[in-house]
Amino acid sequence: MNCASCKEKACYKGKDCTEIAEDAREAYKGDAEALKSLKVSARIESRYYMKKTRIEELIVYAKEMNYKRLGVAFCIGLQKEAETICDILSQYFDVSSVCCKVCGVDKSYFGLERLHEDAEVEGMCNPIGQAMILNKEKMDLNIILGLCIGHDILFTKYSEAPVTTLAVKDRVLAHNPLGAIYSSYHLKKMRE
């Protein structure tokens, strides 16, 4: 598949250029939770297109999925944002939040490179620990807020609840990685 290079996008008008359409339909039919999520997502798109922010859509989605308990796995660098988002979500849900440095494991334990070589102790990011805590608290949905590349992957792998990403880590572009393709400077640098 190379959909990114396709100029027609005939699938938008119903063309199937794969051999899996029937298998995909059957997968939705065989998984009630997946079908419910598909329906809720389509309803949000249809009713609130260009009207609600991602945070507002998250609230609508979680309510319509009947989720009661939301977990937020956040980067310590987004502490302020995490606090604000958790305050907002707490108006509607039981919210638990876990910082990336949870457990205070020193990077030297796994021989990890340090950001600050002169630091006596430098806590590592612990996405598996974040997932373990939210799993123990039996979250219905987990939200990633600014976890580093790789850490977000590990968190998603170990989370027992479904996971959505509210923001990704991009220290250079204010957590907006698509900014790199909208900037001729960054785009040129990446293509060299």
Protein backbone atom coordinates (compact mmCIF):
# COMPACT_ATOMS: atom_id res chain seq x y z
CA MET A 1 0.00 0.00 0.00
CA ASN A 2 1.08 3.53 -0.67
CA CYS A 3 -2.02 5.58 0.11
CA ALA A 4 0.07 8.66 0.93
CA SER A 5 1.06 8.96 -2.73
CA CYS A 6 -2.42 8.27 -4.13
CA LYS A 7 -3.89 11.39 -5.72
CA GLU A 8 -7.41 10.03 -6.29
CA LYS A 9 -8.42 8.73 -2.87
CA ALA A 10 -11.26 6.90 -4.62
CA CYS A 11 -11.85 4.99 -1.38
CA TYR A 12 -13.58 8.13 -0.12
CA LYS A 13 -16.26 7.45 -2.73
CA GLY A 14 -16.48 3.71 -2.04
CA LYS A 15 -13.79 2.14 -4.22
CA ASP A 16 -12.01 -0.85 -2.66
CA CYS A 17 -8.44 -1.21 -3.87
CA THR A 18 -7.58 -3.85 -1.26
CA GLU A 19 -8.49 -7.45 -0.71
CA ILE A 20 -9.45 -7.03 2.94
CA ALA A 21 -12.68 -5.01 2.86
CA GLU A 22 -14.89 -7.95 3.79
CA ASP A 23 -12.47 -9.09 6.50
CA ALA A 24 -12.46 -5.57 7.97
CA ARG A 25 -16.26 -5.41 7.94
CA GLU A 26 -16.43 -8.79 9.68
CA ALA A 27 -13.92 -7.65 12.29
CA TYR A 28 -16.19 -4.75 13.26
CA LYS A 29 -19.24 -7.03 13.30
CA GLY A 30 -17.42 -9.50 15.54
CA ASP A 31 -16.22 -6.94 18.08
CA ALA A 32 -19.07 -5.04 19.74
CA GLU A 33 -16.73 -2.57 21.47
CA ALA A 34 -14.91 -1.78 18.21
CA LEU A 35 -18.22 -1.25 16.40
CA LYS A 36 -19.46 1.02 19.19
CA SER A 37 -16.21 3.04 19.02
CA LEU A 38 -16.55 3.31 15.24
CA LYS A 39 -20.13 4.59 15.57
CA VAL A 40 -19.29 7.08 18.32
CA SER A 41 -16.28 8.38 16.36
CA ALA A 42 -18.34 8.83 13.18
CA ARG A 43 -21.06 10.62 15.15
CA ILE A 44 -18.53 13.03 16.67
CA GLU A 45 -17.02 13.74 13.25
CA SER A 46 -20.43 14.29 11.70
CA ARG A 47 -21.91 16.48 14.44
CA TYR A 48 -18.89 18.47 15.59
CA TYR A 49 -16.68 18.82 12.49
CA MET A 50 -14.71 22.07 12.93
CA LYS A 51 -16.78 22.88 16.04
CA LYS A 52 -15.04 21.13 18.94
CA THR A 53 -11.42 20.97 20.03
CA ARG A 54 -9.68 17.64 20.54
CA ILE A 55 -10.17 17.92 24.31
CA GLU A 56 -13.90 18.56 23.82
CA GLU A 57 -14.11 15.63 21.40
CA LEU A 58 -12.32 13.44 23.96
CA ILE A 59 -14.94 14.30 26.58
CA VAL A 60 -17.82 13.57 24.20
CA TYR A 61 -16.20 10.30 23.07
CA ALA A 62 -15.53 9.06 26.61
CA LYS A 63 -19.07 9.94 27.73
CA GLU A 64 -20.67 8.22 24.74
CA MET A 65 -18.51 5.13 25.29
CA ASN A 66 -19.74 5.14 28.91
CA TYR A 67 -16.22 5.43 30.26
CA LYS A 68 -16.09 6.47 33.89
CA ARG A 69 -12.38 6.22 34.71
CA LEU A 70 -9.74 8.04 32.65
CA GLY A 71 -5.99 7.78 33.13
CA VAL A 72 -3.49 10.41 32.03
CA ALA A 73 0.11 9.33 31.43
CA PHE A 74 2.06 12.55 31.14
CA CYS A 75 5.58 13.86 30.71
CA ILE A 76 7.01 15.79 33.66
CA GLY A 77 7.73 18.61 31.19
CA LEU A 78 3.98 19.02 30.68
CA GLN A 79 3.09 19.12 34.38
CA LYS A 80 1.13 22.37 34.07
CA GLU A 81 -0.80 21.12 31.04
CA ALA A 82 -1.51 17.81 32.77
CA GLU A 83 -2.89 19.57 35.82
CA THR A 84 -5.19 21.75 33.68
CA ILE A 85 -6.40 18.83 31.55
CA CYS A 86 -7.00 16.64 34.61
CA ASP A 87 -8.98 19.47 36.24
CA ILE A 88 -11.17 19.72 33.13
CA LEU A 89 -11.65 15.96 32.78
CA SER A 90 -12.39 15.61 36.50
CA GLN A 91 -15.61 17.55 35.96
CA TYR A 92 -16.95 14.50 34.09
CA PHE A 93 -14.84 11.47 35.02
CA ASP A 94 -12.82 9.83 37.77
CA VAL A 95 -9.30 10.77 36.67
CA SER A 96 -5.93 9.32 37.67
CA SER A 97 -2.66 10.77 36.43
CA VAL A 98 0.85 9.33 36.39
CA CYS A 99 4.07 11.26 35.75
CA CYS A 100 6.72 9.75 33.49
CA LYS A 101 9.32 9.68 36.30
CA VAL A 102 7.11 7.50 38.52
CA CYS A 103 9.04 5.09 40.80
CA GLY A 104 12.17 7.25 40.70
CA VAL A 105 14.34 4.61 38.99
CA ASP A 106 17.80 6.03 38.31
CA LYS A 107 18.98 5.84 34.70
CA SER A 108 22.18 4.13 35.87
CA TYR A 109 20.14 1.04 36.83
CA PHE A 110 19.73 0.20 33.12
CA GLY A 111 22.89 1.95 31.93
CA LEU A 112 20.86 4.65 30.16
CA GLU A 113 22.42 7.78 28.75
CA ARG A 114 21.99 10.82 30.95
CA LEU A 115 20.82 14.29 30.06
CA HIS A 116 22.81 15.73 32.99
CA GLU A 117 26.08 13.84 33.48
CA ASP A 118 26.90 15.73 36.67
CA ALA A 119 23.63 14.72 38.39
CA GLU A 120 24.04 12.23 41.22
CA VAL A 121 20.65 10.68 40.41
CA GLU A 122 18.66 11.14 37.22
CA GLY A 123 15.27 9.48 37.18
CA MET A 124 14.40 7.63 34.01
CA CYS A 125 11.08 7.81 32.21
CA ASN A 126 9.05 4.77 33.18
CA PRO A 127 6.22 4.16 30.68
CA ILE A 128 5.77 0.54 31.75
CA GLY A 129 5.40 1.73 35.35
CA GLN A 130 2.86 4.34 34.23
CA ALA A 131 0.84 1.63 32.48
CA MET A 132 1.11 -0.72 35.47
CA ILE A 133 -0.29 1.92 37.82
CA LEU A 134 -3.19 2.82 35.52
CA ASN A 135 -3.87 -0.89 34.90
CA LYS A 136 -4.04 -1.45 38.65
CA GLU A 137 -6.51 1.42 38.93
CA LYS A 138 -8.69 -0.19 36.23
CA MET A 139 -8.98 2.76 33.85
CA ASP A 140 -11.54 2.63 31.03
CA LEU A 141 -9.40 4.85 28.76
CA ASN A 142 -5.82 6.08 29.01
CA ILE A 143 -4.59 9.35 27.56
CA ILE A 144 -1.00 10.05 26.55
CA LEU A 145 0.12 13.62 27.16
CA GLY A 146 3.55 14.41 25.77
CA LEU A 147 5.40 11.13 26.30
CA CYS A 148 8.70 10.83 24.43
CA ILE A 149 8.99 8.77 21.27
CA GLY A 150 9.42 5.16 22.28
CA HIS A 151 7.99 5.77 25.73
CA ASP A 152 4.57 6.34 24.13
CA ILE A 153 4.98 3.05 22.27
CA LEU A 154 5.86 1.13 25.45
CA PHE A 155 3.00 2.73 27.36
CA THR A 156 0.53 1.76 24.63
CA LYS A 157 1.90 -1.78 24.50
CA TYR A 158 1.53 -2.32 28.25
CA SER A 159 -1.75 -0.46 28.82
CA GLU A 160 -4.71 -2.77 29.38
CA ALA A 161 -7.18 0.03 28.58
CA PRO A 162 -7.48 1.58 25.12
CA VAL A 163 -5.12 4.51 24.58
CA THR A 164 -5.50 7.84 22.81
CA THR A 165 -2.87 10.52 22.35
CA LEU A 166 -3.75 14.08 23.23
CA ALA A 167 -0.30 15.54 22.59
CA VAL A 168 3.06 14.17 21.51
CA LYS A 169 6.50 15.28 22.60
CA ASP A 170 8.28 17.71 20.31
CA ARG A 171 10.61 19.89 22.33
CA VAL A 172 11.66 21.93 19.29
CA LEU A 173 8.20 22.74 17.90
CA ALA A 174 6.10 23.29 21.03
CA HIS A 175 4.74 19.72 20.88
CA ASN A 176 3.48 20.21 17.33
CA PRO A 177 5.48 17.75 15.18
CA LEU A 178 3.57 18.66 12.02
CA GLY A 179 5.11 22.11 12.28
CA ALA A 180 8.24 20.55 10.78
CA ILE A 181 6.53 19.93 7.44
CA TYR A 182 4.94 23.38 7.41
CA SER A 183 8.32 25.07 7.89
CA SER A 184 10.52 25.26 4.80
CA TYR A 185 13.59 25.36 7.05
CA HIS A 186 12.76 22.14 8.91
CA LEU A 187 11.44 20.41 5.79
CA LYS A 188 14.64 21.17 3.86
CA LYS A 189 16.78 19.98 6.77
CA MET A 190 14.87 16.66 7.00
CA ARG A 191 15.12 16.02 3.26
CA GLU A 192 18.89 16.55 3.10
